[in-house]
N, C-alpha and C. Protein backbone atom coordinates (compact mmCIF):
# COMPACT_ATOMS: atom_id res chain seq x y z
N MET A 1 105.30 -44.70 98.15
CA MET A 1 105.73 -43.21 97.81
C MET A 1 105.88 -42.24 99.87
N LYS A 2 106.53 -41.11 99.42
CA LYS A 2 106.81 -40.46 100.41
C LYS A 2 105.52 -39.90 100.73
N ARG A 3 104.68 -39.41 102.28
CA ARG A 3 104.14 -38.98 102.46
C ARG A 3 104.66 -37.65 102.40
N PHE A 4 103.33 -36.52 101.65
CA PHE A 4 103.66 -34.94 102.10
C PHE A 4 102.58 -34.84 102.39
N GLU A 5 103.08 -33.68 103.49
CA GLU A 5 101.61 -32.92 104.42
C GLU A 5 101.42 -31.69 103.21
N LYS A 6 100.09 -31.61 102.79
CA LYS A 6 100.03 -30.32 102.28
C LYS A 6 100.22 -28.89 102.57
N SER A 7 100.28 -28.77 103.94
CA SER A 7 100.94 -27.55 104.39
C SER A 7 102.57 -27.38 104.33
N SER A 8 103.06 -28.66 103.84
CA SER A 8 104.30 -28.27 103.41
C SER A 8 105.07 -28.02 102.24
N LEU A 9 103.84 -27.57 101.06
CA LEU A 9 103.46 -27.05 99.70
C LEU A 9 103.27 -26.35 99.23
N ALA A 10 103.68 -25.76 98.19
CA ALA A 10 103.45 -24.58 97.99
C ALA A 10 102.92 -23.99 96.78
N GLY A 11 102.34 -23.23 96.17
CA GLY A 11 102.72 -22.95 94.75
C GLY A 11 103.29 -21.47 94.15
N LEU A 12 103.90 -21.28 93.07
CA LEU A 12 104.52 -19.85 92.88
C LEU A 12 104.14 -19.63 90.90
N ILE A 13 103.01 -18.68 91.32
CA ILE A 13 102.90 -18.23 89.34
C ILE A 13 103.71 -17.40 89.32
N LEU A 14 104.38 -17.67 88.37
CA LEU A 14 105.39 -16.49 87.49
C LEU A 14 104.86 -15.82 86.77
N ALA A 15 105.07 -14.41 87.25
CA ALA A 15 104.03 -13.22 86.06
C ALA A 15 105.01 -12.41 86.22
N GLY A 16 106.13 -12.49 86.11
CA GLY A 16 107.50 -11.32 86.62
C GLY A 16 107.67 -10.92 85.20
N GLY A 17 107.59 -11.34 84.00
CA GLY A 17 108.12 -11.29 83.23
C GLY A 17 107.83 -9.76 82.63
N LYS A 18 108.44 -8.75 81.26
CA LYS A 18 107.92 -7.80 80.68
C LYS A 18 107.14 -7.63 79.38
N SER A 19 106.86 -9.04 79.00
CA SER A 19 106.15 -9.35 77.80
C SER A 19 106.76 -8.90 76.70
N ARG A 20 107.60 -8.81 76.44
CA ARG A 20 108.29 -7.93 75.44
C ARG A 20 107.42 -8.50 74.09
N ARG A 21 107.08 -9.50 74.11
CA ARG A 21 106.51 -10.18 72.35
C ARG A 21 105.26 -10.04 72.79
N MET A 22 104.51 -9.41 73.79
CA MET A 22 103.23 -8.63 73.80
C MET A 22 103.13 -7.21 73.86
N ASN A 23 103.74 -6.60 72.98
CA ASN A 23 104.50 -5.42 73.19
C ASN A 23 104.01 -4.69 74.36
N LEU A 24 104.81 -5.21 75.59
CA LEU A 24 104.58 -4.55 77.21
C LEU A 24 103.52 -4.79 77.57
N PHE A 25 102.58 -5.12 77.13
CA PHE A 25 101.01 -5.23 77.68
C PHE A 25 101.07 -6.39 78.53
N ASP A 26 100.84 -6.69 79.62
CA ASP A 26 101.41 -7.61 81.04
C ASP A 26 100.31 -8.70 80.05
N LYS A 27 101.59 -9.60 80.39
CA LYS A 27 100.52 -10.39 79.41
C LYS A 27 99.74 -11.65 80.50
N SER A 28 99.67 -11.31 81.57
CA SER A 28 98.87 -12.22 82.69
C SER A 28 97.75 -11.75 82.54
N GLN A 29 97.79 -10.60 81.96
CA GLN A 29 96.29 -9.81 81.99
C GLN A 29 95.08 -10.08 80.35
N LYS A 30 96.49 -10.75 79.59
CA LYS A 30 95.19 -11.15 78.73
C LYS A 30 94.70 -12.27 78.81
N GLU A 31 93.52 -12.50 77.54
CA GLU A 31 92.23 -12.97 78.12
C GLU A 31 92.41 -14.46 77.23
N LEU A 32 91.36 -15.36 78.10
CA LEU A 32 91.78 -16.76 77.01
C LEU A 32 90.12 -17.42 78.03
N ASP A 33 89.40 -17.76 76.90
CA ASP A 33 87.76 -18.17 77.45
C ASP A 33 87.33 -17.30 78.76
N ASN A 34 87.22 -15.87 78.51
CA ASN A 34 86.43 -14.99 78.87
C ASN A 34 87.40 -14.62 80.49
N GLU A 35 88.60 -15.16 80.58
CA GLU A 35 89.21 -14.95 81.93
C GLU A 35 91.06 -14.64 81.62
N THR A 36 91.22 -13.81 82.94
CA THR A 36 92.71 -13.60 82.36
C THR A 36 93.32 -14.52 82.60
N LEU A 37 94.53 -14.69 81.89
CA LEU A 37 95.58 -15.78 82.12
C LEU A 37 95.98 -15.76 83.62
N LEU A 38 96.27 -15.15 84.42
CA LEU A 38 96.52 -15.45 85.73
C LEU A 38 95.38 -15.75 86.45
N GLU A 39 94.22 -15.00 86.60
CA GLU A 39 92.93 -16.00 86.85
C GLU A 39 92.70 -17.47 86.71
N ARG A 40 93.09 -17.63 85.65
CA ARG A 40 93.11 -19.21 84.83
C ARG A 40 94.09 -20.33 85.63
N GLN A 41 95.33 -19.49 85.65
CA GLN A 41 96.63 -20.29 86.66
C GLN A 41 95.79 -20.66 87.91
N ILE A 42 95.59 -18.91 89.04
CA ILE A 42 95.10 -19.48 90.39
C ILE A 42 94.26 -20.50 90.34
N LYS A 43 93.17 -20.42 89.70
CA LYS A 43 92.41 -21.88 89.56
C LYS A 43 92.88 -23.10 89.67
N LYS A 44 93.57 -23.37 88.60
CA LYS A 44 94.35 -24.54 88.08
C LYS A 44 94.99 -24.63 89.56
N VAL A 45 96.21 -23.85 90.11
CA VAL A 45 97.43 -24.22 91.15
C VAL A 45 96.39 -24.01 92.16
N ALA A 46 95.02 -23.96 92.50
CA ALA A 46 94.09 -24.58 93.77
C ALA A 46 93.43 -25.48 93.82
N ASN A 47 93.23 -25.96 92.67
CA ASN A 47 92.65 -27.36 92.57
C ASN A 47 93.68 -28.33 93.37
N GLN A 48 94.99 -27.83 93.22
CA GLN A 48 96.24 -28.86 93.60
C GLN A 48 96.99 -28.23 94.64
N LEU A 49 96.92 -27.29 95.19
CA LEU A 49 97.77 -26.43 96.89
C LEU A 49 97.07 -25.63 97.20
N ASP A 50 97.42 -25.09 97.97
CA ASP A 50 96.12 -24.48 99.06
C ASP A 50 97.49 -23.24 99.49
N ILE A 51 98.56 -22.92 99.26
CA ILE A 51 98.91 -21.85 99.52
C ILE A 51 99.68 -21.26 98.17
N ILE A 52 99.20 -20.18 97.68
CA ILE A 52 99.42 -19.28 96.54
C ILE A 52 99.96 -18.04 96.70
N ILE A 53 100.96 -18.30 96.10
CA ILE A 53 101.94 -16.76 95.81
C ILE A 53 102.29 -16.25 94.32
N ILE A 54 102.06 -15.25 94.16
CA ILE A 54 102.28 -14.30 92.87
C ILE A 54 103.46 -13.35 92.93
N ASN A 55 104.62 -14.16 91.59
CA ASN A 55 105.71 -13.27 91.71
C ASN A 55 104.98 -12.44 90.55
N SER A 56 105.47 -10.88 90.41
CA SER A 56 104.85 -9.95 89.80
C SER A 56 105.28 -8.70 90.02
N ASN A 57 105.67 -7.93 89.37
CA ASN A 57 106.46 -6.83 89.86
C ASN A 57 105.36 -5.21 89.65
N SER A 58 104.32 -5.72 89.18
CA SER A 58 103.01 -5.01 89.04
C SER A 58 102.53 -4.38 89.73
N SER A 59 102.33 -3.56 89.91
CA SER A 59 101.68 -3.15 91.11
C SER A 59 100.33 -2.91 91.37
N ARG A 60 99.61 -3.00 89.59
CA ARG A 60 98.37 -2.92 89.49
C ARG A 60 97.93 -4.66 89.78
N ILE A 61 99.07 -5.37 89.90
CA ILE A 61 98.47 -6.67 89.98
C ILE A 61 98.36 -7.14 91.85
N LYS A 62 99.47 -5.92 92.27
CA LYS A 62 99.38 -6.12 93.91
C LYS A 62 98.30 -5.46 94.28
N THR A 63 97.62 -4.77 93.94
CA THR A 63 95.77 -4.07 94.09
C THR A 63 94.86 -5.35 93.50
N GLU A 64 95.10 -5.33 92.23
CA GLU A 64 94.07 -6.49 91.94
C GLU A 64 94.03 -7.73 92.92
N TYR A 65 94.72 -8.11 93.38
CA TYR A 65 94.67 -9.57 93.87
C TYR A 65 95.36 -9.68 95.37
N GLU A 66 94.87 -8.72 95.81
CA GLU A 66 95.19 -8.84 97.30
C GLU A 66 94.85 -9.95 98.11
N LYS A 67 93.92 -11.00 97.73
CA LYS A 67 93.84 -12.06 98.54
C LYS A 67 95.24 -12.86 98.56
N PHE A 68 96.31 -12.50 97.72
CA PHE A 68 97.49 -13.15 97.50
C PHE A 68 98.46 -12.68 97.93
N PRO A 69 99.29 -13.08 98.03
CA PRO A 69 100.61 -12.52 98.33
C PRO A 69 101.32 -12.03 97.10
N VAL A 70 101.53 -10.90 96.66
CA VAL A 70 102.63 -11.09 95.15
C VAL A 70 103.38 -10.05 95.95
N LEU A 71 104.48 -11.06 95.06
CA LEU A 71 105.88 -10.61 95.52
C LEU A 71 106.64 -10.13 94.23
N LYS A 72 107.51 -8.74 94.14
CA LYS A 72 108.24 -8.47 93.65
C LYS A 72 109.24 -8.76 93.35
N ASP A 73 109.92 -9.16 92.58
CA ASP A 73 111.50 -9.75 92.05
C ASP A 73 112.44 -8.83 93.45
N LEU A 74 112.81 -9.44 94.69
CA LEU A 74 114.14 -8.91 95.01
C LEU A 74 115.56 -8.67 94.42
N PHE A 75 115.84 -9.22 93.19
CA PHE A 75 116.74 -8.79 92.73
C PHE A 75 116.30 -7.84 91.24
N THR A 76 116.81 -6.88 91.30
CA THR A 76 116.05 -5.98 90.06
C THR A 76 116.81 -6.30 88.70
N GLY A 77 115.98 -5.51 87.98
CA GLY A 77 116.71 -5.61 86.12
C GLY A 77 116.05 -6.77 85.69
N ASN A 78 115.02 -7.40 86.11
CA ASN A 78 114.02 -8.30 85.19
C ASN A 78 115.42 -9.59 84.66
N LEU A 79 115.32 -10.18 85.49
CA LEU A 79 116.65 -11.48 85.64
C LEU A 79 116.15 -12.54 85.15
N GLY A 80 114.57 -12.84 84.98
CA GLY A 80 114.11 -13.51 84.56
C GLY A 80 113.96 -15.13 85.42
N PRO A 81 112.80 -16.08 85.33
CA PRO A 81 112.29 -16.88 86.15
C PRO A 81 112.81 -16.88 87.46
N LEU A 82 114.24 -17.16 87.43
CA LEU A 82 115.15 -17.44 88.62
C LEU A 82 115.19 -16.71 89.89
N ALA A 83 115.04 -15.74 89.15
CA ALA A 83 114.76 -14.41 90.18
C ALA A 83 113.29 -14.24 90.88
N GLY A 84 112.16 -14.58 90.61
CA GLY A 84 111.23 -14.91 91.10
C GLY A 84 111.16 -16.14 92.16
N ILE A 85 111.71 -17.44 91.41
CA ILE A 85 111.55 -18.38 91.97
C ILE A 85 112.57 -18.03 93.71
N TYR A 86 113.69 -17.51 93.33
CA TYR A 86 114.06 -16.99 94.32
C TYR A 86 113.07 -16.09 95.82
N THR A 87 112.64 -15.36 95.12
CA THR A 87 111.69 -14.15 95.91
C THR A 87 110.52 -15.09 96.19
N GLY A 88 110.22 -15.85 95.86
CA GLY A 88 109.37 -17.09 96.38
C GLY A 88 109.71 -18.11 97.73
N LEU A 89 110.90 -18.14 97.68
CA LEU A 89 111.68 -19.11 98.35
C LEU A 89 111.95 -18.22 99.47
N GLU A 90 112.41 -17.17 99.30
CA GLU A 90 112.54 -16.35 100.45
C GLU A 90 111.94 -15.99 101.20
N TRP A 91 110.41 -15.42 100.45
CA TRP A 91 109.06 -15.12 101.24
C TRP A 91 108.73 -15.99 102.04
N LEU A 92 108.63 -17.83 101.15
CA LEU A 92 108.32 -19.26 102.32
C LEU A 92 109.23 -18.92 103.74
N GLN A 93 110.04 -18.88 103.47
CA GLN A 93 111.14 -18.76 104.44
C GLN A 93 111.03 -18.10 105.97
N ARG A 94 110.28 -16.65 105.32
CA ARG A 94 109.84 -16.11 106.04
C ARG A 94 108.80 -15.93 106.88
N LYS A 95 107.80 -16.46 106.31
CA LYS A 95 106.68 -16.43 106.40
C LYS A 95 105.73 -17.92 106.93
N LYS A 96 106.48 -19.11 105.99
CA LYS A 96 105.79 -20.31 105.75
C LYS A 96 106.91 -21.03 106.06
N LYS A 97 107.60 -21.21 107.68
CA LYS A 97 108.85 -21.95 107.65
C LYS A 97 108.19 -23.69 107.42
N ASN A 98 106.79 -23.92 107.57
CA ASN A 98 106.78 -25.47 107.54
C ASN A 98 106.63 -25.76 106.22
N VAL A 99 106.90 -24.56 105.17
CA VAL A 99 106.59 -25.45 103.61
C VAL A 99 107.96 -25.43 103.43
N LYS A 100 108.21 -26.94 102.72
CA LYS A 100 109.49 -27.62 102.05
C LYS A 100 109.61 -27.71 100.91
N TRP A 101 108.68 -27.38 100.26
CA TRP A 101 108.74 -27.60 98.65
C TRP A 101 107.91 -26.47 98.04
N LEU A 102 108.28 -25.94 96.90
CA LEU A 102 108.15 -24.69 95.97
C LEU A 102 107.52 -25.30 94.86
N PHE A 103 106.57 -25.03 94.01
CA PHE A 103 105.89 -25.48 92.96
C PHE A 103 105.87 -24.45 91.87
N THR A 104 106.42 -24.18 90.66
CA THR A 104 106.27 -23.45 90.43
C THR A 104 105.80 -23.45 88.86
N PHE A 105 104.66 -22.10 88.41
CA PHE A 105 103.73 -22.38 87.36
C PHE A 105 104.20 -21.09 86.53
N PRO A 106 104.31 -21.03 84.97
CA PRO A 106 104.00 -19.99 84.63
C PRO A 106 102.55 -19.77 84.07
N VAL A 107 102.74 -18.03 84.26
CA VAL A 107 101.50 -17.37 83.82
C VAL A 107 101.41 -17.85 82.35
N ASP A 108 101.58 -18.07 81.63
CA ASP A 108 101.15 -18.00 80.03
C ASP A 108 101.69 -19.18 79.65
N SER A 109 101.85 -20.51 80.24
CA SER A 109 101.21 -22.35 80.11
C SER A 109 99.74 -22.71 80.83
N PRO A 110 98.37 -22.36 80.35
CA PRO A 110 97.20 -21.98 80.51
C PRO A 110 96.94 -23.72 80.15
N PHE A 111 97.42 -24.69 79.84
CA PHE A 111 96.89 -25.90 79.88
C PHE A 111 97.34 -27.04 80.51
N PHE A 112 98.51 -26.62 81.72
CA PHE A 112 99.53 -27.65 82.44
C PHE A 112 98.50 -29.10 83.11
N PRO A 113 99.33 -29.97 83.18
CA PRO A 113 98.25 -30.98 83.80
C PRO A 113 97.76 -30.64 85.28
N ASP A 114 96.38 -31.06 84.91
CA ASP A 114 95.76 -31.10 86.68
C ASP A 114 96.59 -31.83 87.91
N ASN A 115 97.12 -32.76 87.56
CA ASN A 115 97.66 -33.57 88.16
C ASN A 115 98.93 -33.55 88.39
N ILE A 116 100.06 -32.73 87.86
CA ILE A 116 101.09 -32.09 88.01
C ILE A 116 102.03 -32.35 89.22
N VAL A 117 100.85 -31.37 90.16
CA VAL A 117 101.52 -31.45 91.30
C VAL A 117 101.72 -33.66 91.34
N GLU A 118 100.69 -33.75 91.69
CA GLU A 118 100.26 -35.59 92.37
C GLU A 118 101.55 -36.21 91.32
N THR A 119 101.93 -35.70 90.66
CA THR A 119 102.87 -36.66 89.76
C THR A 119 104.14 -36.20 90.28
N PHE A 120 104.59 -35.13 90.31
CA PHE A 120 105.89 -34.47 90.84
C PHE A 120 105.94 -35.52 91.90
N LEU A 121 104.92 -35.76 92.98
CA LEU A 121 105.36 -36.20 94.47
C LEU A 121 105.40 -37.88 94.18
N LYS A 122 104.70 -38.40 93.28
CA LYS A 122 105.09 -39.58 93.17
C LYS A 122 106.41 -40.15 92.54
N ASN A 123 106.78 -38.89 92.12
CA ASN A 123 108.00 -39.37 91.47
C ASN A 123 109.46 -39.08 91.93
N TYR A 124 109.07 -38.13 93.03
CA TYR A 124 110.03 -38.01 94.19
C TYR A 124 110.45 -38.87 94.69
N ASN A 125 112.43 -39.01 94.95
CA ASN A 125 113.28 -39.54 95.03
C ASN A 125 114.35 -38.97 95.86
N ASP A 126 114.10 -37.93 96.66
CA ASP A 126 115.15 -37.41 97.11
C ASP A 126 116.03 -36.26 96.46
N GLU A 127 115.27 -35.75 94.99
CA GLU A 127 115.70 -35.14 94.53
C GLU A 127 115.56 -33.52 95.09
N LYS A 128 116.26 -32.53 94.71
CA LYS A 128 116.04 -30.92 95.30
C LYS A 128 115.56 -30.33 94.48
N ILE A 129 115.68 -30.89 93.04
CA ILE A 129 114.49 -30.40 91.95
C ILE A 129 113.68 -31.00 90.75
N ILE A 130 112.93 -31.45 90.62
CA ILE A 130 111.85 -32.37 89.86
C ILE A 130 111.15 -31.56 88.54
N ILE A 131 111.63 -31.34 87.11
CA ILE A 131 111.43 -30.68 86.32
C ILE A 131 110.20 -31.12 84.84
N ALA A 132 109.05 -30.72 84.75
CA ALA A 132 108.22 -31.52 83.73
C ALA A 132 109.08 -31.24 82.39
N LYS A 133 108.86 -32.33 81.50
CA LYS A 133 109.09 -32.42 80.10
C LYS A 133 107.93 -33.23 79.40
N SER A 134 107.93 -32.58 78.23
CA SER A 134 106.75 -33.15 77.60
C SER A 134 107.10 -33.47 75.85
N GLY A 135 107.72 -34.70 75.29
CA GLY A 135 107.61 -34.84 73.83
C GLY A 135 109.74 -34.95 74.09
N GLU A 136 110.01 -34.00 73.47
CA GLU A 136 111.64 -33.83 73.36
C GLU A 136 112.21 -32.75 74.41
N ASN A 137 110.62 -31.26 74.34
CA ASN A 137 110.90 -30.69 75.38
C ASN A 137 110.93 -30.99 76.42
N ILE A 138 112.27 -30.07 77.36
CA ILE A 138 111.89 -29.58 78.92
C ILE A 138 111.31 -28.61 79.23
N HIS A 139 110.54 -28.20 80.34
CA HIS A 139 109.93 -27.08 81.00
C HIS A 139 110.71 -26.65 81.88
N PRO A 140 112.05 -25.96 82.48
CA PRO A 140 111.96 -26.04 83.64
C PRO A 140 111.45 -25.01 84.06
N VAL A 141 110.27 -23.91 84.04
CA VAL A 141 109.60 -22.87 84.56
C VAL A 141 108.45 -23.94 85.33
N PHE A 142 108.23 -25.59 85.13
CA PHE A 142 107.24 -26.14 85.55
C PHE A 142 108.09 -26.79 86.35
N ALA A 143 108.21 -26.83 88.03
CA ALA A 143 109.00 -27.49 88.68
C ALA A 143 108.53 -27.64 90.04
N MET A 144 109.46 -28.43 90.75
CA MET A 144 108.90 -28.80 92.23
C MET A 144 110.46 -28.31 92.66
N TRP A 145 111.17 -27.38 93.65
CA TRP A 145 111.82 -26.80 94.36
C TRP A 145 112.09 -27.06 95.52
N SER A 146 113.11 -27.53 96.23
CA SER A 146 113.37 -27.91 97.69
C SER A 146 114.16 -26.41 97.72
N VAL A 147 113.21 -25.95 99.41
CA VAL A 147 113.69 -24.02 99.79
C VAL A 147 114.67 -24.51 100.39
N ASP A 148 115.59 -25.24 100.25
CA ASP A 148 116.78 -26.16 100.97
C ASP A 148 117.92 -25.07 100.21
N LEU A 149 117.43 -24.66 98.73
CA LEU A 149 117.96 -24.35 97.60
C LEU A 149 117.95 -22.64 97.82
N ILE A 150 117.42 -21.97 98.83
CA ILE A 150 117.30 -20.58 98.89
C ILE A 150 118.90 -20.01 98.93
N LYS A 151 119.52 -20.43 99.11
CA LYS A 151 121.18 -19.87 99.55
C LYS A 151 122.04 -20.18 98.11
N GLU A 152 122.34 -21.29 97.96
CA GLU A 152 122.24 -21.47 96.21
C GLU A 152 122.07 -20.49 95.75
N LEU A 153 120.79 -20.61 95.25
CA LEU A 153 119.89 -19.93 94.46
C LEU A 153 120.11 -18.46 94.17
N GLU A 154 120.97 -17.92 95.44
CA GLU A 154 120.73 -16.12 96.05
C GLU A 154 122.27 -16.01 95.37
N ASN A 155 123.39 -17.22 95.88
CA ASN A 155 124.77 -16.71 94.97
C ASN A 155 124.53 -16.64 93.63
N SER A 156 124.07 -17.77 92.94
CA SER A 156 123.88 -17.98 91.46
C SER A 156 123.53 -17.09 90.72
N LEU A 157 122.72 -15.69 91.62
CA LEU A 157 121.49 -14.87 91.01
C LEU A 157 122.69 -13.53 91.11
N LYS A 158 123.78 -13.18 92.05
CA LYS A 158 124.43 -12.55 92.13
C LYS A 158 125.40 -12.83 91.54
N LYS A 159 125.76 -13.94 90.81
CA LYS A 159 127.22 -14.53 89.91
C LYS A 159 126.65 -13.91 88.60
N LYS A 160 125.17 -14.04 88.34
CA LYS A 160 124.35 -13.40 87.27
C LYS A 160 124.60 -14.98 86.24
N ILE A 161 124.39 -15.79 86.92
CA ILE A 161 124.01 -17.40 86.36
C ILE A 161 122.68 -17.54 86.65
N LEU A 162 121.57 -16.93 85.95
CA LEU A 162 120.14 -16.47 85.43
C LEU A 162 119.55 -18.08 84.69
N LYS A 163 120.21 -18.81 83.66
CA LYS A 163 119.34 -19.70 83.31
C LYS A 163 119.61 -21.40 84.28
N ILE A 164 118.12 -21.22 84.20
CA ILE A 164 117.55 -22.63 85.03
C ILE A 164 118.62 -23.87 84.75
N ASP A 165 118.71 -24.13 83.57
CA ASP A 165 119.59 -24.78 83.66
C ASP A 165 120.68 -25.11 83.99
N ALA A 166 121.46 -24.08 84.07
CA ALA A 166 123.08 -24.06 84.91
C ALA A 166 122.61 -23.84 86.04
N PHE A 167 121.59 -23.92 86.81
CA PHE A 167 121.53 -23.78 88.23
C PHE A 167 121.24 -25.14 88.42
N THR A 168 120.22 -25.66 87.94
CA THR A 168 119.62 -26.94 88.26
C THR A 168 121.20 -28.45 88.52
N LYS A 169 121.63 -27.98 87.15
CA LYS A 169 122.54 -28.98 87.25
C LYS A 169 123.82 -29.28 87.99
N ASN A 170 123.88 -28.48 89.62
CA ASN A 170 124.70 -28.54 90.51
C ASN A 170 123.79 -29.49 91.67
N PHE A 171 122.46 -29.84 91.00
CA PHE A 171 121.89 -30.62 92.13
C PHE A 171 121.28 -31.87 91.48
N LYS A 172 120.86 -32.47 92.65
CA LYS A 172 120.30 -33.68 92.16
C LYS A 172 119.11 -33.72 91.78
N PHE A 173 118.57 -34.01 90.69
CA PHE A 173 117.18 -33.47 89.97
C PHE A 173 116.76 -34.31 89.02
N LYS A 174 115.66 -34.31 89.06
CA LYS A 174 115.10 -35.33 88.06
C LYS A 174 113.96 -34.61 86.90
N VAL A 175 113.79 -35.40 86.00
CA VAL A 175 113.00 -34.86 85.01
C VAL A 175 111.94 -36.06 84.81
N VAL A 176 110.50 -35.28 84.94
CA VAL A 176 109.20 -36.10 84.02
C VAL A 176 108.72 -36.06 83.46
N ASN A 177 108.22 -37.00 82.50
CA ASN A 177 107.58 -37.01 81.27
C ASN A 177 106.03 -36.88 81.24
N PHE A 178 105.71 -36.07 80.85
CA PHE A 178 103.96 -36.51 80.54
C PHE A 178 103.84 -35.98 79.06
N PRO A 179 102.49 -37.10 78.96
CA PRO A 179 102.09 -37.50 77.84
C PRO A 179 101.77 -36.19 76.58
N ILE A 180 102.05 -36.41 75.25
CA ILE A 180 101.25 -35.00 74.80
C ILE A 180 100.22 -35.88 73.71
N PHE A 181 99.11 -35.16 73.45
CA PHE A 181 98.10 -35.62 72.92
C PHE A 181 97.64 -34.78 71.71
N ASP A 182 96.45 -34.08 71.57
CA ASP A 182 96.11 -33.82 70.22
C ASP A 182 97.02 -32.13 70.77
N TYR A 183 97.71 -31.94 71.93
CA TYR A 183 98.46 -30.84 72.53
C TYR A 183 98.94 -30.75 73.06
N ASP A 184 100.51 -30.04 73.19
CA ASP A 184 101.36 -29.69 74.44
C ASP A 184 100.42 -29.25 75.63
N PRO A 185 100.90 -30.11 76.53
CA PRO A 185 100.24 -29.42 77.87
C PRO A 185 100.79 -28.16 78.39
N PHE A 186 101.90 -27.97 77.84
CA PHE A 186 102.72 -26.89 78.51
C PHE A 186 103.07 -26.20 77.37
N PHE A 187 101.82 -26.12 76.45
CA PHE A 187 102.21 -25.08 75.37
C PHE A 187 102.01 -23.64 76.33
N ASN A 188 103.09 -22.63 75.96
CA ASN A 188 103.16 -21.04 76.26
C ASN A 188 102.46 -20.32 75.09
N ILE A 189 102.30 -19.54 75.81
CA ILE A 189 102.00 -18.09 75.07
C ILE A 189 103.18 -17.24 74.84
N ASN A 190 103.48 -16.53 73.70
CA ASN A 190 104.50 -15.46 73.73
C ASN A 190 104.43 -14.40 73.25
N ASN A 191 103.22 -15.20 72.28
CA ASN A 191 102.79 -13.01 71.38
C ASN A 191 101.56 -13.54 71.17
N GLU A 192 100.75 -12.75 69.97
CA GLU A 192 99.13 -12.45 69.85
C GLU A 192 98.53 -13.71 69.00
N LEU A 193 99.87 -14.59 68.03
CA LEU A 193 100.06 -15.60 67.34
C LEU A 193 99.69 -16.59 68.14
N ASP A 194 100.24 -16.78 69.30
CA ASP A 194 100.12 -17.94 70.04
C ASP A 194 98.51 -18.18 70.85
N LEU A 195 98.70 -16.40 71.26
CA LEU A 195 96.97 -16.41 71.91
C LEU A 195 96.18 -16.86 71.22
N LEU A 196 95.79 -16.82 69.91
CA LEU A 196 95.09 -17.23 68.94
C LEU A 196 95.16 -18.88 69.04
N ASN A 197 96.10 -19.29 69.03
CA ASN A 197 96.29 -20.98 69.01
C ASN A 197 95.83 -21.32 69.83
N ALA A 198 95.74 -20.84 71.31
CA ALA A 198 95.36 -21.07 72.83
C ALA A 198 94.16 -21.07 72.48
N GLU A 199 93.75 -19.82 71.86
CA GLU A 199 91.25 -20.12 72.00
C GLU A 199 91.01 -21.00 70.86
N LYS A 200 92.43 -21.77 69.82
CA LYS A 200 91.57 -22.83 69.29
C LYS A 200 91.62 -24.12 70.01
N ILE A 201 92.51 -24.35 70.66
CA ILE A 201 92.53 -25.60 71.50
C ILE A 201 91.47 -25.03 72.73
N GLN A 202 91.43 -24.20 73.12
CA GLN A 202 90.45 -24.12 73.88
C GLN A 202 89.05 -24.37 73.82
N LYS A 203 88.83 -24.19 72.54
CA LYS A 203 87.53 -24.31 72.01
C LYS A 203 87.19 -25.52 71.26
N THR A 204 88.18 -26.62 71.51
CA THR A 204 88.64 -27.92 71.30
C THR A 204 87.64 -28.41 72.48
N LEU A 205 88.11 -28.19 73.78
CA LEU A 205 88.53 -28.97 75.08
C LEU A 205 86.67 -28.52 75.15
N ASN A 206 86.68 -27.25 74.89
CA ASN A 206 84.85 -27.32 74.74
C ASN A 206 83.82 -27.66 74.68
N LYS A 207 84.16 -28.05 73.00
CA LYS A 207 83.70 -29.05 72.19
C LYS A 207 83.19 -29.89 72.99
N ARG A 208 84.41 -30.46 73.55
CA ARG A 208 83.93 -32.21 74.13
C ARG A 208 83.21 -31.95 75.40
N GLY A 209 83.09 -30.84 75.82
CA GLY A 209 82.54 -31.33 77.12
C GLY A 209 83.47 -30.91 78.09
N ALA A 210 84.60 -30.57 78.38
CA ALA A 210 85.82 -30.42 79.22
C ALA A 210 84.95 -29.55 80.16
N LYS A 211 85.43 -29.78 81.34
CA LYS A 211 84.92 -28.65 82.42
C LYS A 211 85.71 -27.53 82.08
N LYS A 212 85.12 -26.21 82.04
CA LYS A 212 85.73 -24.60 82.09
C LYS A 212 86.77 -24.78 83.51
N LEU A 213 88.11 -24.28 82.89
CA LEU A 213 88.81 -24.42 83.74
C LEU A 213 88.68 -23.35 85.16
C-alpha cells in the first residue's frame, strides 16, 4: 500500500445545502443524541483526519465554528455538492499546499464508517477519485478527491455540469464497497421522518454499549 502522510490529507464537511426538505431549517443544526449533526460529523472526521474544513453558506455557522475554516460556496446559486468540493479544493490550494487529497463527508449522514479514510487509502491505485458504495447504492458525496482536479472541476461548474457522476466519469475513479449490517452506514437524513429513523438507529447503538460518537 502506498504510504500517505497525514499532513497530505484533509476532510471537508459538506453543509452548504438549503435543507428544503427540513422546511429550510439548517439541517446541520438538527440534533441527534444531544449533538447537532455538524458537531457529530466534526468529531467523527477528527478521529480520522487532522485538517478539517466546513462548507457552509450560513454566517451563523461561520461565527459558531470559528475554530475551523468555514467556507461559503465560491460559485453562487446553490449549485450542489460539486460547488462545495471546488470551494474546499480552492482553499487548500491557497492555504495548505502540501495537501494532496480531500475527503468529503455530507453533514446529514451521521453513521458513516469509522475507518472510511483508511479503507479509501488501502484501495487507492493511482485513481483521481475514490467513491463509497453500500449494497446497490453509490454515495458520491463520500469520496476522496485529488487536488489536481481543481481546474477541471472549475470548468465543469462554469458549464453547469453539476452532477457528481457526470463529472467523475471523465477521470480514473474507483468505487469501494462497505458492508451493510443492521443499517446502511451511509443512511442520510433528508427530512423529519429520516431524523426519527436515525434516532432509532442511535438508540440501538447506545443499547449495544457503542461508544458515543
